[in-house]
N, C-alpha and C. Protein backbone atom coordinates (compact mmCIF):
# COMPACT_ATOMS: atom_id res chain seq x y z
N MET A 1 0.85 -1.18 0.00
CA MET A 1 0.00 0.00 0.00
C MET A 1 0.89 1.23 0.00
N SER A 2 0.58 2.02 -0.98
CA SER A 2 1.41 3.23 -1.07
C SER A 2 0.95 4.28 -0.08
N ARG A 3 1.83 5.06 0.40
CA ARG A 3 1.55 6.09 1.41
C ARG A 3 1.91 7.47 0.85
N THR A 4 0.93 8.35 0.94
CA THR A 4 1.15 9.70 0.41
C THR A 4 1.91 10.53 1.41
N VAL A 5 2.97 11.08 0.94
CA VAL A 5 3.81 11.92 1.82
C VAL A 5 3.56 13.37 1.48
N ARG A 6 3.13 14.13 2.52
CA ARG A 6 2.85 15.57 2.34
C ARG A 6 4.14 16.36 2.49
N SER A 7 4.27 17.26 1.60
CA SER A 7 5.49 18.06 1.63
C SER A 7 5.42 19.07 2.79
N PRO A 8 6.56 19.43 3.34
CA PRO A 8 6.57 20.41 4.44
C PRO A 8 5.94 21.73 4.05
N SER A 9 6.13 22.12 2.79
CA SER A 9 5.55 23.41 2.38
C SER A 9 4.03 23.37 2.40
N SER A 10 3.45 22.23 2.01
CA SER A 10 1.99 22.10 2.03
C SER A 10 1.46 22.14 3.44
N SER A 11 2.14 21.49 4.41
CA SER A 11 1.70 21.48 5.81
C SER A 11 1.78 22.87 6.42
N SER A 12 2.82 23.58 6.17
CA SER A 12 2.94 24.93 6.76
C SER A 12 1.92 25.89 6.17
N ARG A 13 1.58 25.67 4.87
CA ARG A 13 0.57 26.53 4.25
C ARG A 13 -0.79 26.30 4.89
N ARG A 14 -1.13 25.03 5.15
CA ARG A 14 -2.41 24.71 5.80
C ARG A 14 -2.45 25.31 7.21
N ALA A 15 -1.33 25.24 7.90
CA ALA A 15 -1.30 25.79 9.26
C ALA A 15 -1.52 27.29 9.26
N ARG A 16 -0.92 27.96 8.31
CA ARG A 16 -1.09 29.41 8.24
C ARG A 16 -2.55 29.77 7.93
N LEU A 17 -3.16 29.01 7.01
CA LEU A 17 -4.56 29.28 6.70
C LEU A 17 -5.45 29.03 7.89
N ARG A 18 -5.14 27.96 8.65
CA ARG A 18 -5.96 27.62 9.83
C ARG A 18 -5.90 28.77 10.84
N TRP A 19 -4.71 29.28 11.15
CA TRP A 19 -4.59 30.34 12.15
C TRP A 19 -5.04 31.71 11.63
N THR A 20 -5.17 31.79 10.33
CA THR A 20 -5.68 33.05 9.77
C THR A 20 -7.20 33.13 9.86
N PHE A 21 -7.90 32.01 9.51
CA PHE A 21 -9.36 32.02 9.46
C PHE A 21 -10.01 31.66 10.78
N LEU A 22 -9.26 31.08 11.73
CA LEU A 22 -9.85 30.73 13.01
C LEU A 22 -10.32 31.97 13.77
N PRO A 23 -9.54 33.02 13.89
CA PRO A 23 -10.07 34.22 14.57
C PRO A 23 -11.25 34.85 13.85
N LEU A 24 -11.25 34.77 12.52
CA LEU A 24 -12.38 35.34 11.79
C LEU A 24 -13.66 34.59 12.08
N GLY A 25 -13.55 33.27 12.18
CA GLY A 25 -14.73 32.48 12.50
C GLY A 25 -15.24 32.75 13.89
N LEU A 26 -14.33 32.86 14.86
CA LEU A 26 -14.75 33.17 16.23
C LEU A 26 -15.40 34.55 16.29
N ALA A 27 -14.88 35.49 15.53
CA ALA A 27 -15.45 36.83 15.55
C ALA A 27 -16.86 36.83 15.00
N VAL A 28 -17.09 36.05 13.94
CA VAL A 28 -18.44 35.97 13.38
C VAL A 28 -19.41 35.34 14.36
N LEU A 29 -18.95 34.26 15.04
CA LEU A 29 -19.81 33.58 16.01
C LEU A 29 -20.15 34.48 17.19
N LEU A 30 -19.21 35.28 17.62
CA LEU A 30 -19.44 36.14 18.79
C LEU A 30 -20.11 37.46 18.42
N GLY A 31 -20.30 37.72 17.13
CA GLY A 31 -20.97 38.95 16.71
C GLY A 31 -20.08 40.16 16.72
N ALA A 32 -18.78 40.01 16.80
CA ALA A 32 -17.86 41.15 16.81
C ALA A 32 -17.35 41.38 15.41
N PRO A 33 -17.00 42.59 15.09
CA PRO A 33 -16.46 42.85 13.76
C PRO A 33 -15.11 42.20 13.59
N PRO A 34 -14.85 41.56 12.46
CA PRO A 34 -13.58 40.88 12.27
C PRO A 34 -12.42 41.86 12.21
N ALA A 35 -11.29 41.41 12.73
CA ALA A 35 -10.08 42.22 12.69
C ALA A 35 -9.40 42.03 11.36
N PRO A 36 -8.69 43.01 10.87
CA PRO A 36 -7.98 42.86 9.60
C PRO A 36 -6.97 41.73 9.67
N ALA A 37 -6.75 41.12 8.52
CA ALA A 37 -5.87 39.96 8.48
C ALA A 37 -4.43 40.31 8.74
N ASP A 38 -4.04 41.57 8.59
CA ASP A 38 -2.63 41.92 8.78
C ASP A 38 -2.28 42.16 10.23
N GLY A 39 -3.22 41.93 11.15
CA GLY A 39 -2.94 42.06 12.58
C GLY A 39 -3.21 43.43 13.15
N THR A 40 -3.52 44.42 12.35
CA THR A 40 -3.83 45.75 12.87
C THR A 40 -5.30 45.83 13.21
N ARG A 41 -5.64 46.72 14.16
CA ARG A 41 -7.02 46.89 14.58
C ARG A 41 -7.46 48.30 14.26
N GLU A 42 -8.63 48.37 13.68
CA GLU A 42 -9.19 49.67 13.32
C GLU A 42 -9.85 50.30 14.53
N ARG A 43 -9.58 51.56 14.78
CA ARG A 43 -10.13 52.28 15.91
C ARG A 43 -11.22 53.24 15.45
N ASP A 44 -12.29 53.19 16.17
CA ASP A 44 -13.40 54.10 15.88
C ASP A 44 -13.38 55.20 16.92
N THR A 45 -12.73 56.28 16.60
CA THR A 45 -12.60 57.37 17.57
C THR A 45 -13.75 58.36 17.53
N ALA A 46 -14.60 58.24 16.52
CA ALA A 46 -15.70 59.20 16.41
C ALA A 46 -16.86 58.85 17.32
N ARG A 47 -16.97 57.56 17.72
CA ARG A 47 -18.10 57.13 18.53
C ARG A 47 -17.72 57.18 20.00
N PRO A 48 -18.48 57.91 20.86
CA PRO A 48 -18.14 58.00 22.28
C PRO A 48 -18.35 56.67 22.99
N LEU A 49 -17.53 56.41 23.99
CA LEU A 49 -17.64 55.19 24.78
C LEU A 49 -18.71 55.35 25.84
N ARG A 50 -19.31 54.23 26.18
CA ARG A 50 -20.30 54.24 27.25
C ARG A 50 -19.61 54.48 28.59
N GLY A 51 -20.29 55.29 29.43
CA GLY A 51 -19.76 55.53 30.75
C GLY A 51 -18.77 56.68 30.82
N VAL A 52 -18.43 57.26 29.67
CA VAL A 52 -17.50 58.37 29.66
C VAL A 52 -18.25 59.65 30.02
N VAL A 53 -17.73 60.39 31.01
CA VAL A 53 -18.37 61.63 31.44
C VAL A 53 -17.94 62.75 30.51
N ARG A 54 -18.92 63.37 29.90
CA ARG A 54 -18.61 64.46 29.00
C ARG A 54 -18.59 65.77 29.77
N PRO A 55 -17.59 66.63 29.53
CA PRO A 55 -17.54 67.90 30.25
C PRO A 55 -18.67 68.82 29.83
N ARG A 56 -19.19 69.59 30.81
CA ARG A 56 -20.23 70.55 30.51
C ARG A 56 -19.66 71.72 29.73
N ASP A 57 -20.46 72.25 28.84
CA ASP A 57 -20.00 73.39 28.06
C ASP A 57 -19.61 74.53 28.99
N VAL A 58 -18.44 75.08 28.79
CA VAL A 58 -17.94 76.17 29.61
C VAL A 58 -18.56 77.47 29.13
N PRO A 59 -19.21 78.25 30.03
CA PRO A 59 -19.82 79.50 29.58
C PRO A 59 -18.76 80.48 29.11
N ALA A 60 -19.20 81.38 28.26
CA ALA A 60 -18.26 82.34 27.70
C ALA A 60 -17.82 83.38 28.73
N HIS A 61 -18.61 83.55 29.82
CA HIS A 61 -18.29 84.53 30.83
C HIS A 61 -18.32 83.86 32.20
N ASP A 62 -17.62 84.50 33.16
CA ASP A 62 -17.52 83.92 34.49
C ASP A 62 -18.63 84.37 35.43
N GLY A 63 -19.50 85.28 35.01
CA GLY A 63 -20.57 85.76 35.87
C GLY A 63 -20.17 86.88 36.80
N VAL A 64 -18.88 87.23 36.81
CA VAL A 64 -18.39 88.30 37.69
C VAL A 64 -18.19 89.59 36.91
N TYR A 65 -17.66 89.49 35.71
CA TYR A 65 -17.50 90.63 34.80
C TYR A 65 -16.64 91.74 35.41
N GLY A 66 -15.61 91.33 36.14
CA GLY A 66 -14.68 92.31 36.70
C GLY A 66 -15.03 92.81 38.09
N ARG A 67 -16.07 92.27 38.70
CA ARG A 67 -16.46 92.77 40.02
C ARG A 67 -15.56 92.26 41.14
N PHE A 68 -14.67 91.30 40.85
CA PHE A 68 -13.70 90.86 41.83
C PHE A 68 -12.31 91.38 41.52
N ASP A 69 -12.21 92.37 40.63
CA ASP A 69 -10.90 92.98 40.37
C ASP A 69 -10.40 93.75 41.57
N GLY A 70 -11.28 94.11 42.45
CA GLY A 70 -10.95 94.77 43.70
C GLY A 70 -12.06 94.56 44.69
N ASP A 71 -11.74 94.65 45.98
CA ASP A 71 -12.81 94.47 46.97
C ASP A 71 -13.61 95.75 47.19
N LEU A 72 -13.11 96.87 46.70
CA LEU A 72 -13.78 98.15 46.89
C LEU A 72 -13.93 98.85 45.55
N PHE A 73 -15.16 99.25 45.24
CA PHE A 73 -15.43 100.02 44.02
C PHE A 73 -15.76 101.45 44.42
N LEU A 74 -15.03 102.40 43.83
CA LEU A 74 -15.33 103.81 44.01
C LEU A 74 -16.02 104.32 42.75
N THR A 75 -17.10 105.06 42.92
CA THR A 75 -17.84 105.60 41.78
C THR A 75 -18.00 107.10 41.94
N LEU A 76 -17.98 107.78 40.82
CA LEU A 76 -18.20 109.22 40.80
C LEU A 76 -19.04 109.53 39.57
N GLY A 77 -20.12 110.30 39.78
CA GLY A 77 -21.03 110.59 38.67
C GLY A 77 -21.55 112.01 38.73
N ALA A 78 -22.06 112.46 37.58
CA ALA A 78 -22.65 113.78 37.48
C ALA A 78 -23.87 113.70 36.58
N GLY A 79 -24.90 114.50 36.92
CA GLY A 79 -26.11 114.46 36.13
C GLY A 79 -27.13 115.48 36.56
N ILE A 80 -28.40 115.17 36.31
CA ILE A 80 -29.50 116.08 36.58
C ILE A 80 -30.45 115.45 37.59
N ASP A 81 -30.82 116.23 38.59
CA ASP A 81 -31.79 115.81 39.59
C ASP A 81 -33.08 116.57 39.34
N VAL A 82 -34.18 115.84 39.19
CA VAL A 82 -35.46 116.48 38.88
C VAL A 82 -36.48 116.11 39.94
N GLY A 83 -37.46 116.98 40.08
CA GLY A 83 -38.51 116.84 41.09
C GLY A 83 -38.57 118.12 41.87
N GLY A 84 -39.60 118.94 41.63
CA GLY A 84 -39.63 120.27 42.22
C GLY A 84 -38.63 121.18 41.54
N GLY A 85 -38.41 120.97 40.25
CA GLY A 85 -37.43 121.75 39.51
C GLY A 85 -36.28 120.88 39.07
N ALA A 86 -35.39 121.46 38.31
CA ALA A 86 -34.23 120.73 37.80
C ALA A 86 -32.96 121.27 38.45
N ARG A 87 -32.08 120.34 38.83
CA ARG A 87 -30.82 120.69 39.46
C ARG A 87 -29.70 119.87 38.83
N VAL A 88 -28.53 120.41 38.79
CA VAL A 88 -27.35 119.66 38.36
C VAL A 88 -26.57 119.29 39.62
N GLY A 89 -25.98 118.09 39.59
CA GLY A 89 -25.29 117.65 40.79
C GLY A 89 -24.33 116.52 40.54
N ALA A 90 -23.77 116.03 41.62
CA ALA A 90 -22.79 114.96 41.57
C ALA A 90 -23.09 113.97 42.69
N VAL A 91 -22.66 112.74 42.48
CA VAL A 91 -22.85 111.68 43.48
C VAL A 91 -21.62 110.80 43.50
N GLY A 92 -21.23 110.37 44.69
CA GLY A 92 -20.09 109.48 44.86
C GLY A 92 -20.47 108.32 45.77
N ARG A 93 -19.81 107.18 45.55
CA ARG A 93 -20.10 105.99 46.37
C ARG A 93 -18.84 105.18 46.60
N ALA A 94 -18.87 104.41 47.65
CA ALA A 94 -17.85 103.40 47.93
C ALA A 94 -18.59 102.12 48.24
N LEU A 95 -18.40 101.10 47.38
CA LEU A 95 -19.16 99.85 47.49
C LEU A 95 -18.20 98.69 47.75
N LEU A 96 -18.50 97.91 48.75
CA LEU A 96 -17.71 96.73 49.08
C LEU A 96 -18.21 95.55 48.26
N PHE A 97 -17.30 94.98 47.46
CA PHE A 97 -17.65 93.87 46.57
C PHE A 97 -18.88 94.17 45.72
N HIS A 98 -19.00 95.43 45.34
CA HIS A 98 -20.09 95.85 44.44
C HIS A 98 -21.46 95.56 45.04
N SER A 99 -21.55 95.44 46.36
CA SER A 99 -22.80 94.98 46.97
C SER A 99 -23.35 95.89 48.05
N ALA A 100 -22.51 96.57 48.80
CA ALA A 100 -23.00 97.41 49.89
C ALA A 100 -21.97 98.51 50.16
N GLY A 101 -22.49 99.67 50.58
CA GLY A 101 -21.56 100.76 50.86
C GLY A 101 -22.29 102.03 51.21
N VAL A 102 -21.56 103.13 51.08
CA VAL A 102 -22.10 104.44 51.42
C VAL A 102 -22.19 105.28 50.16
N THR A 103 -23.11 106.24 50.18
CA THR A 103 -23.30 107.13 49.05
C THR A 103 -23.56 108.54 49.56
N LEU A 104 -23.11 109.51 48.80
CA LEU A 104 -23.36 110.90 49.15
C LEU A 104 -23.43 111.72 47.87
N GLY A 105 -24.14 112.85 47.92
CA GLY A 105 -24.29 113.67 46.73
C GLY A 105 -24.79 115.06 47.05
N TYR A 106 -24.73 115.88 46.01
CA TYR A 106 -25.16 117.28 46.16
C TYR A 106 -25.68 117.75 44.81
N ALA A 107 -26.75 118.55 44.83
CA ALA A 107 -27.32 119.11 43.61
C ALA A 107 -27.78 120.54 43.88
N ARG A 108 -27.66 121.37 42.84
CA ARG A 108 -28.03 122.78 42.98
C ARG A 108 -28.79 123.21 41.73
N ALA A 109 -29.84 124.01 41.97
CA ALA A 109 -30.68 124.48 40.86
C ALA A 109 -29.97 125.58 40.10
N LEU A 110 -30.07 125.54 38.78
CA LEU A 110 -29.51 126.59 37.94
C LEU A 110 -30.51 127.71 37.70
N GLY A 111 -31.79 127.37 37.75
CA GLY A 111 -32.85 128.37 37.58
C GLY A 111 -33.80 128.30 38.76
N GLU A 112 -35.05 128.69 38.51
CA GLU A 112 -36.05 128.62 39.57
C GLU A 112 -36.47 127.17 39.81
N ALA A 113 -36.53 126.80 41.08
CA ALA A 113 -36.92 125.44 41.47
C ALA A 113 -37.44 125.47 42.89
N ASP A 114 -38.36 124.56 43.19
CA ASP A 114 -38.88 124.46 44.55
C ASP A 114 -37.77 124.11 45.54
N VAL A 115 -36.86 123.24 45.12
CA VAL A 115 -35.71 122.87 45.95
C VAL A 115 -34.47 123.44 45.28
N GLU A 116 -33.89 124.45 45.89
CA GLU A 116 -32.76 125.13 45.27
C GLU A 116 -31.45 124.37 45.50
N GLN A 117 -31.29 123.84 46.68
CA GLN A 117 -30.09 123.07 46.99
C GLN A 117 -30.51 121.78 47.68
N LEU A 118 -29.73 120.73 47.43
CA LEU A 118 -30.07 119.43 48.00
C LEU A 118 -28.79 118.63 48.22
N GLY A 119 -28.64 118.10 49.39
CA GLY A 119 -27.52 117.21 49.71
C GLY A 119 -28.05 115.96 50.38
N PHE A 120 -27.35 114.86 50.23
CA PHE A 120 -27.81 113.60 50.83
C PHE A 120 -26.62 112.71 51.15
N VAL A 121 -26.82 111.84 52.11
CA VAL A 121 -25.84 110.83 52.49
C VAL A 121 -26.60 109.63 53.04
N GLY A 122 -26.12 108.43 52.74
CA GLY A 122 -26.83 107.24 53.21
C GLY A 122 -26.05 105.97 52.92
N ILE A 123 -26.70 104.86 53.18
CA ILE A 123 -26.12 103.55 52.90
C ILE A 123 -26.91 102.91 51.75
N GLU A 124 -26.22 102.03 51.02
CA GLU A 124 -26.82 101.41 49.84
C GLU A 124 -26.54 99.92 49.87
N LEU A 125 -27.54 99.14 49.52
CA LEU A 125 -27.43 97.68 49.49
C LEU A 125 -27.89 97.17 48.13
N ARG A 126 -27.03 96.34 47.51
CA ARG A 126 -27.39 95.68 46.24
C ARG A 126 -27.51 94.18 46.53
N PRO A 127 -28.72 93.70 46.78
CA PRO A 127 -28.89 92.35 47.33
C PRO A 127 -28.82 91.21 46.33
N LEU A 128 -28.71 91.47 45.03
CA LEU A 128 -28.85 90.38 44.06
C LEU A 128 -27.52 89.75 43.65
N PHE A 129 -26.44 90.51 43.62
CA PHE A 129 -25.21 90.01 43.01
C PHE A 129 -24.66 88.77 43.70
N LEU A 130 -24.32 88.84 44.96
CA LEU A 130 -23.67 87.72 45.63
C LEU A 130 -24.56 86.47 45.70
N PRO A 131 -25.86 86.57 46.03
CA PRO A 131 -26.69 85.35 46.00
C PRO A 131 -26.81 84.75 44.60
N ARG A 132 -26.96 85.56 43.58
CA ARG A 132 -27.07 85.02 42.23
C ARG A 132 -25.77 84.36 41.79
N PHE A 133 -24.65 84.95 42.18
CA PHE A 133 -23.36 84.38 41.82
C PHE A 133 -23.13 83.06 42.57
N ALA A 134 -23.50 83.01 43.84
CA ALA A 134 -23.30 81.79 44.63
C ALA A 134 -24.18 80.65 44.15
N LEU A 135 -25.36 80.95 43.64
CA LEU A 135 -26.29 79.92 43.17
C LEU A 135 -26.18 79.66 41.67
N ASP A 136 -25.22 80.29 41.02
CA ASP A 136 -24.99 80.09 39.58
C ASP A 136 -26.25 80.40 38.78
N LEU A 137 -26.83 81.57 39.04
CA LEU A 137 -28.06 81.97 38.36
C LEU A 137 -27.81 83.05 37.32
N GLU A 138 -26.58 83.17 36.82
CA GLU A 138 -26.30 84.17 35.81
C GLU A 138 -26.95 83.81 34.48
N THR A 139 -27.23 84.81 33.69
CA THR A 139 -27.80 84.59 32.36
C THR A 139 -26.72 84.46 31.30
N ASN A 140 -25.46 84.65 31.67
CA ASN A 140 -24.32 84.61 30.74
C ASN A 140 -24.35 85.78 29.77
N SER A 141 -25.11 86.81 30.11
CA SER A 141 -25.11 88.06 29.35
C SER A 141 -24.62 89.16 30.28
N PRO A 142 -23.44 89.72 30.03
CA PRO A 142 -22.92 90.75 30.94
C PRO A 142 -23.87 91.93 31.13
N LEU A 143 -24.48 92.38 30.05
CA LEU A 143 -25.36 93.54 30.15
C LEU A 143 -26.57 93.25 31.03
N VAL A 144 -27.17 92.07 30.85
CA VAL A 144 -28.35 91.70 31.64
C VAL A 144 -27.97 91.46 33.09
N ASP A 145 -26.91 90.69 33.33
CA ASP A 145 -26.53 90.37 34.71
C ASP A 145 -26.13 91.61 35.49
N LEU A 146 -25.30 92.46 34.90
CA LEU A 146 -24.86 93.65 35.62
C LEU A 146 -26.01 94.61 35.87
N THR A 147 -26.94 94.72 34.93
CA THR A 147 -28.09 95.59 35.14
C THR A 147 -28.99 95.07 36.25
N LEU A 148 -29.26 93.77 36.24
CA LEU A 148 -30.09 93.19 37.30
C LEU A 148 -29.43 93.36 38.67
N ASP A 149 -28.13 93.09 38.73
CA ASP A 149 -27.43 93.14 40.01
C ASP A 149 -27.20 94.55 40.51
N SER A 150 -27.43 95.54 39.65
CA SER A 150 -27.25 96.93 40.10
C SER A 150 -28.44 97.46 40.88
N LEU A 151 -29.53 96.69 40.95
CA LEU A 151 -30.69 97.11 41.74
C LEU A 151 -30.24 97.45 43.16
N ALA A 152 -30.49 98.68 43.59
CA ALA A 152 -29.95 99.18 44.86
C ALA A 152 -31.06 99.73 45.73
N LEU A 153 -31.06 99.31 46.98
CA LEU A 153 -31.97 99.84 47.99
C LEU A 153 -31.15 100.68 48.97
N GLY A 154 -31.70 101.81 49.38
CA GLY A 154 -30.94 102.68 50.27
C GLY A 154 -31.81 103.42 51.26
N VAL A 155 -31.16 103.89 52.30
CA VAL A 155 -31.81 104.72 53.30
C VAL A 155 -30.75 105.69 53.83
N GLY A 156 -31.19 106.89 54.14
CA GLY A 156 -30.23 107.88 54.61
C GLY A 156 -30.93 109.17 55.02
N GLY A 157 -30.16 110.22 55.02
CA GLY A 157 -30.68 111.53 55.38
C GLY A 157 -30.37 112.56 54.32
N PHE A 158 -31.07 113.68 54.35
CA PHE A 158 -30.86 114.75 53.38
C PHE A 158 -31.01 116.09 54.07
N PHE A 159 -30.47 117.10 53.42
CA PHE A 159 -30.75 118.48 53.80
C PHE A 159 -31.08 119.23 52.52
N ALA A 160 -32.01 120.17 52.61
CA ALA A 160 -32.47 120.88 51.42
C ALA A 160 -32.77 122.33 51.77
N GLU A 161 -32.69 123.16 50.76
CA GLU A 161 -33.08 124.57 50.87
C GLU A 161 -34.21 124.79 49.89
N GLU A 162 -35.39 125.08 50.44
CA GLU A 162 -36.59 125.21 49.62
C GLU A 162 -36.93 126.67 49.38
N ARG A 163 -37.33 127.00 48.16
CA ARG A 163 -37.71 128.37 47.81
C ARG A 163 -39.00 128.78 48.51
N SER A 164 -39.91 127.83 48.68
CA SER A 164 -41.21 128.15 49.28
C SER A 164 -41.08 128.59 50.73
N ASP A 165 -39.99 128.23 51.38
CA ASP A 165 -39.78 128.62 52.77
C ASP A 165 -38.79 129.77 52.88
N SER A 166 -38.68 130.56 51.81
CA SER A 166 -37.79 131.73 51.80
C SER A 166 -36.35 131.33 52.17
N GLY A 167 -35.91 130.26 51.56
CA GLY A 167 -34.53 129.85 51.79
C GLY A 167 -34.32 129.07 53.07
N ARG A 168 -35.38 128.60 53.67
CA ARG A 168 -35.22 127.86 54.92
C ARG A 168 -34.64 126.48 54.64
N ARG A 169 -33.70 126.07 55.45
CA ARG A 169 -33.09 124.75 55.32
C ARG A 169 -33.95 123.71 56.03
N ARG A 170 -34.05 122.56 55.38
CA ARG A 170 -34.87 121.49 55.93
C ARG A 170 -34.09 120.17 55.83
N ALA A 171 -34.22 119.32 56.84
CA ALA A 171 -33.54 118.04 56.87
C ALA A 171 -34.55 116.94 57.16
N GLY A 172 -34.23 115.73 56.73
CA GLY A 172 -35.13 114.62 56.96
C GLY A 172 -34.53 113.31 56.52
N VAL A 173 -35.38 112.29 56.48
CA VAL A 173 -34.97 110.94 56.11
C VAL A 173 -35.41 110.66 54.68
N GLU A 174 -34.60 109.92 53.95
CA GLU A 174 -34.95 109.55 52.59
C GLU A 174 -34.82 108.04 52.40
N ALA A 175 -35.64 107.50 51.50
CA ALA A 175 -35.53 106.11 51.06
C ALA A 175 -35.30 106.13 49.56
N THR A 176 -34.40 105.27 49.09
CA THR A 176 -33.98 105.34 47.69
C THR A 176 -34.07 103.98 47.00
N LEU A 177 -34.20 104.05 45.69
CA LEU A 177 -34.20 102.88 44.83
C LEU A 177 -33.48 103.26 43.54
N GLY A 178 -32.52 102.44 43.12
CA GLY A 178 -31.76 102.79 41.94
C GLY A 178 -31.33 101.58 41.14
N PHE A 179 -30.85 101.85 39.94
CA PHE A 179 -30.29 100.81 39.08
C PHE A 179 -29.43 101.50 38.03
N GLY A 180 -28.62 100.71 37.32
CA GLY A 180 -27.74 101.26 36.31
C GLY A 180 -27.52 100.30 35.16
N VAL A 181 -27.00 100.84 34.06
CA VAL A 181 -26.70 100.06 32.87
C VAL A 181 -25.24 100.32 32.49
N PRO A 182 -24.40 99.27 32.44
CA PRO A 182 -22.99 99.47 32.07
C PRO A 182 -22.85 99.68 30.57
N LEU A 183 -22.15 100.73 30.17
CA LEU A 183 -22.01 101.02 28.75
C LEU A 183 -21.04 100.07 28.05
N PHE A 184 -20.06 99.53 28.79
CA PHE A 184 -19.08 98.62 28.21
C PHE A 184 -19.33 97.17 28.62
N ALA A 185 -20.48 96.87 29.25
CA ALA A 185 -20.81 95.52 29.71
C ALA A 185 -19.74 94.96 30.62
N GLU A 186 -19.12 95.82 31.43
CA GLU A 186 -18.14 95.44 32.43
C GLU A 186 -18.41 96.25 33.69
N ALA A 187 -18.01 95.68 34.84
CA ALA A 187 -18.22 96.40 36.09
C ALA A 187 -17.42 97.70 36.13
N ARG A 188 -16.21 97.66 35.63
CA ARG A 188 -15.37 98.86 35.58
C ARG A 188 -15.71 99.66 34.34
N GLY A 189 -15.81 100.98 34.52
CA GLY A 189 -16.06 101.82 33.37
C GLY A 189 -17.30 102.68 33.54
N PRO A 190 -17.81 103.23 32.44
CA PRO A 190 -18.94 104.16 32.51
C PRO A 190 -20.28 103.43 32.63
N TRP A 191 -21.15 104.04 33.43
CA TRP A 191 -22.52 103.55 33.61
C TRP A 191 -23.49 104.72 33.44
N ILE A 192 -24.69 104.42 32.97
CA ILE A 192 -25.81 105.34 33.04
C ILE A 192 -26.71 104.85 34.18
N GLU A 193 -27.02 105.74 35.13
CA GLU A 193 -27.74 105.32 36.33
C GLU A 193 -28.91 106.25 36.63
N ALA A 194 -29.83 105.70 37.39
CA ALA A 194 -30.98 106.47 37.88
C ALA A 194 -31.16 106.14 39.35
N ARG A 195 -31.39 107.18 40.14
CA ARG A 195 -31.57 107.02 41.59
C ARG A 195 -32.80 107.80 42.01
N GLY A 196 -33.84 107.07 42.39
CA GLY A 196 -35.05 107.71 42.86
C GLY A 196 -35.05 107.83 44.38
N ALA A 197 -35.53 108.95 44.90
CA ALA A 197 -35.53 109.18 46.34
C ALA A 197 -36.90 109.70 46.79
N LEU A 198 -37.34 109.22 47.93
CA LEU A 198 -38.58 109.68 48.54
C LEU A 198 -38.21 110.43 49.82
N ARG A 199 -38.60 111.71 49.88
CA ARG A 199 -38.24 112.59 51.00
C ARG A 199 -39.52 113.25 51.52
N PRO A 200 -40.22 112.58 52.42
CA PRO A 200 -41.54 113.09 52.87
C PRO A 200 -41.46 114.42 53.60
N ALA A 201 -40.31 114.78 54.14
CA ALA A 201 -40.23 116.02 54.93
C ALA A 201 -40.27 117.29 54.09
N LEU A 202 -40.10 117.17 52.80
CA LEU A 202 -40.11 118.35 51.95
C LEU A 202 -41.53 118.90 51.80
N HIS A 203 -41.66 120.21 51.72
CA HIS A 203 -42.96 120.82 51.48
C HIS A 203 -43.37 120.66 50.02
N GLY A 204 -42.39 120.67 49.12
CA GLY A 204 -42.67 120.50 47.71
C GLY A 204 -42.83 119.02 47.38
N PRO A 205 -42.62 118.67 46.12
CA PRO A 205 -42.71 117.26 45.72
C PRO A 205 -41.77 116.38 46.56
N ALA A 206 -42.32 115.30 47.09
CA ALA A 206 -41.51 114.44 47.97
C ALA A 206 -40.61 113.49 47.20
N GLY A 207 -40.87 113.30 45.92
CA GLY A 207 -40.07 112.36 45.15
C GLY A 207 -39.16 113.07 44.16
N GLN A 208 -37.92 112.66 44.09
CA GLN A 208 -36.97 113.18 43.12
C GLN A 208 -36.27 112.00 42.43
N VAL A 209 -35.81 112.26 41.21
CA VAL A 209 -35.07 111.26 40.44
C VAL A 209 -33.77 111.90 39.95
N PHE A 210 -32.67 111.24 40.26
CA PHE A 210 -31.35 111.72 39.86
C PHE A 210 -30.86 110.80 38.74
N VAL A 211 -30.70 111.34 37.53
CA VAL A 211 -30.20 110.60 36.38
C VAL A 211 -28.79 111.11 36.10
N PHE A 212 -27.82 110.19 36.04
CA PHE A 212 -26.43 110.64 35.95
C PHE A 212 -25.56 109.61 35.23
N LEU A 213 -24.43 110.10 34.76
CA LEU A 213 -23.40 109.28 34.15
C LEU A 213 -22.27 109.12 35.15
N SER A 214 -21.89 107.89 35.43
CA SER A 214 -20.89 107.64 36.48
C SER A 214 -19.78 106.73 35.96
N TRP A 215 -18.69 106.72 36.70
CA TRP A 215 -17.54 105.86 36.40
C TRP A 215 -17.26 104.98 37.62
N TYR A 216 -17.07 103.67 37.37
CA TYR A 216 -16.77 102.70 38.42
C TYR A 216 -15.30 102.29 38.33
N GLU A 217 -14.61 102.35 39.44
CA GLU A 217 -13.20 101.98 39.46
C GLU A 217 -12.92 101.03 40.63
N PRO A 218 -12.39 99.81 40.35
CA PRO A 218 -12.09 98.86 41.43
C PRO A 218 -10.74 99.17 42.10
N LEU A 219 -10.71 98.97 43.40
CA LEU A 219 -9.49 99.19 44.18
C LEU A 219 -9.32 98.04 45.17
N LEU A 220 -8.07 97.79 45.54
CA LEU A 220 -7.77 96.86 46.61
C LEU A 220 -7.57 97.66 47.90
N SER A 221 -8.45 97.45 48.85
CA SER A 221 -8.36 98.19 50.11
C SER A 221 -7.34 97.55 51.04
N PRO A 222 -6.94 98.24 52.10
CA PRO A 222 -6.02 97.65 53.08
C PRO A 222 -6.56 96.40 53.76
N LEU A 223 -7.87 96.16 53.65
CA LEU A 223 -8.44 94.97 54.27
C LEU A 223 -7.94 93.69 53.65
N VAL A 224 -7.54 93.72 52.37
CA VAL A 224 -7.10 92.50 51.69
C VAL A 224 -5.62 92.53 51.36
N ASP A 225 -4.92 93.61 51.70
CA ASP A 225 -3.48 93.70 51.46
C ASP A 225 -2.72 92.85 52.48
């Protein structure tokens, strides 16, 4: 009986084919995509992996808009005070963290007015900025956020010289409400502001509105040096 002898080259060729197609068969059975025959693996980098935490979109603004450039903001403004006549005047403030501070001002009539001279001093509170910032409630619009946070409540005292009392000086308590709009959408720089005041002690109109252009400048006080 003759016996067929397989050549070594034929046996090695069969072995190579066996080890080449065996992984392909297992891949088909397991439902996985077959790997290339040259041993390299194709990577799909466009498809995200399960369980990977994607970072939240970073807002374009930090919600502060320069209000932490200094712990103390000094403001100086000039404008027109109306109510019982028109007066020109100036107002200055010192605000801690753009949220609370003192304010003072003076206005004088250029023509005939019920209130010829008016001075005031008081405290001012802006209650929205720090709570909104702490709770991450910004709108990501500098103009909107700064305008909302500029809402100011105040109380203080005033002195006035009224024409109806033949130049008699009068003093009393005032309550104020104000807000402003930043022209450069930043805390530092020019603002257009309005400050309404209620002064019941006056014989003339008890309400006045001061509309003025002001400049805000941040400073580092000795408290943080």
